[in-house]
């Protein structure tokens, strides 16, 4: 494991929401690494602070890979209503950026055929969120 990944994994369980949010942003690039993926889903569903949920979702959406969007999709199906709202806000924040994020839509298209039903349901929800916002 690289030092940056190890450090971010350590911060993912910090009592400080600021450190957890930073961990979510830092770990987004490692969405395809199993240890990071587990931590990222936990950060997306952070029960203590919505900023962690929002910033982690935004970072993963900005990454735009199928692995990153898959984690958001998994979180969407487990999220309560408030968490789902902040997951959606994070995805929207990323999609409304200066570059837009066509990769999110493409990743959702791939995930619509995922073997796991929860991923397909979450990807459909994300597709609905981004309809009209992704350029």
Protein backbone atom coordinates (compact mmCIF):
# COMPACT_ATOMS: atom_id res chain seq x y z
CA UNK A 1 0.00 0.00 0.00
CA UNK A 2 1.29 3.47 -0.81
CA UNK A 3 1.92 6.01 1.94
CA UNK A 4 -0.82 8.35 0.67
CA UNK A 5 -3.37 5.57 0.60
CA UNK A 6 -2.36 4.34 4.05
CA UNK A 7 -2.54 7.84 5.50
CA UNK A 8 -5.96 8.54 3.96
CA UNK A 9 -7.28 5.20 5.24
CA UNK A 10 -6.17 6.20 8.73
CA UNK A 11 -7.94 9.55 8.47
CA UNK A 12 -11.17 7.87 7.30
CA UNK A 13 -11.87 6.83 10.89
CA UNK A 14 -10.80 10.10 12.50
CA UNK A 15 -13.14 11.70 15.04
CA UNK A 16 -12.63 14.97 13.09
CA UNK A 17 -15.13 15.52 10.28
CA UNK A 18 -12.55 17.68 8.52
CA UNK A 19 -10.09 14.79 8.41
CA UNK A 20 -12.78 12.32 7.31
CA UNK A 21 -13.85 14.67 4.51
CA UNK A 22 -10.22 15.04 3.42
CA UNK A 23 -9.87 11.25 3.50
CA UNK A 24 -12.91 10.96 1.20
CA UNK A 25 -11.36 13.37 -1.27
CA UNK A 26 -7.95 11.68 -1.08
CA UNK A 27 -9.31 8.13 -1.34
CA UNK A 28 -11.48 8.86 -4.39
CA UNK A 29 -8.52 8.19 -6.67
CA UNK A 30 -8.24 4.72 -5.12
CA UNK A 31 -11.89 3.69 -5.61
CA UNK A 32 -10.80 0.46 -7.31
CA UNK A 33 -8.66 -0.62 -4.33
CA UNK A 34 -10.73 -2.88 -2.02
CA UNK A 35 -9.47 -1.32 1.24
CA UNK A 36 -10.23 2.16 -0.05
CA UNK A 37 -13.61 1.12 -1.46
CA UNK A 38 -14.82 -0.08 1.93
CA UNK A 39 -13.67 3.10 3.63
CA UNK A 40 -15.24 5.26 0.92
CA UNK A 41 -18.68 3.64 1.28
CA UNK A 42 -18.40 4.28 5.03
CA UNK A 43 -17.56 7.92 4.37
CA UNK A 44 -20.43 8.27 1.91
CA UNK A 45 -22.74 7.04 4.67
CA UNK A 46 -21.07 9.06 7.45
CA UNK A 47 -23.59 9.26 10.27
CA UNK A 48 -21.88 12.14 12.07
CA UNK A 49 -21.49 14.88 9.46
CA UNK A 50 -23.15 15.53 6.11
CA UNK A 51 -20.10 17.44 4.87
CA UNK A 52 -18.21 14.14 4.77
CA UNK A 53 -20.99 12.54 2.71
CA UNK A 54 -21.23 15.48 0.32
CA UNK A 55 -17.49 15.98 -0.23
CA UNK A 56 -16.81 12.27 -0.69
CA UNK A 57 -19.65 11.95 -3.23
CA UNK A 58 -18.37 15.00 -5.10
CA UNK A 59 -14.80 13.67 -5.20
CA UNK A 60 -15.93 10.26 -6.46
CA UNK A 61 -18.21 11.83 -9.09
CA UNK A 62 -15.34 14.05 -10.26
CA UNK A 63 -13.22 10.91 -10.66
CA UNK A 64 -16.00 9.61 -12.91
CA UNK A 65 -14.73 6.04 -13.18
CA UNK A 66 -17.12 3.11 -13.05
CA UNK A 67 -15.41 2.00 -9.81
CA UNK A 68 -15.98 5.41 -8.21
CA UNK A 69 -19.60 5.77 -9.34
CA UNK A 70 -20.26 2.17 -8.26
CA UNK A 71 -19.42 3.15 -4.68
CA UNK A 72 -21.87 6.05 -4.82
CA UNK A 73 -24.50 3.67 -6.22
CA UNK A 74 -23.94 1.23 -3.35
CA UNK A 75 -24.27 4.06 -0.83
CA UNK A 76 -27.45 5.36 -2.48
CA UNK A 77 -29.34 2.13 -1.81
CA UNK A 78 -28.23 2.06 1.84
CA UNK A 79 -28.67 5.77 2.56
CA UNK A 80 -31.47 7.23 4.61
CA UNK A 81 -33.39 10.15 3.07
CA UNK A 82 -31.09 12.83 4.47
CA UNK A 83 -27.93 11.02 3.37
CA UNK A 84 -29.39 10.43 -0.09
CA UNK A 85 -30.08 14.16 -0.41
CA UNK A 86 -26.44 14.95 0.39
CA UNK A 87 -25.14 12.23 -1.92
CA UNK A 88 -27.23 13.83 -4.66
CA UNK A 89 -25.92 17.29 -3.76
CA UNK A 90 -22.32 16.04 -3.96
CA UNK A 91 -22.92 14.50 -7.38
CA UNK A 92 -24.63 17.69 -8.57
CA UNK A 93 -21.73 19.80 -7.26
CA UNK A 94 -19.35 17.75 -9.40
CA UNK A 95 -21.59 17.82 -12.47
CA UNK A 96 -22.15 21.56 -12.28
CA UNK A 97 -18.43 22.29 -12.39
CA UNK A 98 -16.85 24.12 -15.31
CA UNK A 99 -16.09 20.90 -17.17
CA UNK A 100 -19.30 18.98 -16.56
CA UNK A 101 -18.99 15.24 -16.13
CA UNK A 102 -20.10 13.09 -19.01
CA UNK A 103 -18.11 10.25 -17.40
CA UNK A 104 -20.75 9.91 -14.64
CA UNK A 105 -23.45 9.19 -17.21
CA UNK A 106 -21.19 6.73 -19.04
CA UNK A 107 -20.32 4.98 -15.78
CA UNK A 108 -24.02 4.72 -14.87
CA UNK A 109 -24.64 3.17 -18.29
CA UNK A 110 -22.02 0.51 -17.58
CA UNK A 111 -23.32 -0.05 -14.06
CA UNK A 112 -26.87 -0.58 -15.36
CA UNK A 113 -25.59 -4.02 -16.42
CA UNK A 114 -23.79 -4.81 -13.14
CA UNK A 115 -24.39 -8.27 -11.67
CA UNK A 116 -25.35 -6.76 -8.32
CA UNK A 117 -28.95 -5.53 -8.15
CA UNK A 118 -28.12 -2.84 -5.58
CA UNK A 119 -25.56 -1.34 -7.94
CA UNK A 120 -28.07 -1.30 -10.82
CA UNK A 121 -30.70 0.41 -8.63
CA UNK A 122 -28.20 2.97 -7.32
CA UNK A 123 -26.88 3.69 -10.81
CA UNK A 124 -30.43 4.27 -12.05
CA UNK A 125 -30.98 6.74 -9.21
CA UNK A 126 -27.75 8.60 -10.03
CA UNK A 127 -28.73 8.69 -13.72
CA UNK A 128 -32.01 10.32 -12.73
CA UNK A 129 -30.15 12.88 -10.60
CA UNK A 130 -27.79 13.83 -13.41
CA UNK A 131 -30.34 13.91 -16.25
CA UNK A 132 -30.04 17.36 -17.76
CA UNK A 133 -27.03 18.38 -15.67
CA UNK A 134 -24.26 16.42 -17.32
CA UNK A 135 -23.02 18.14 -20.45
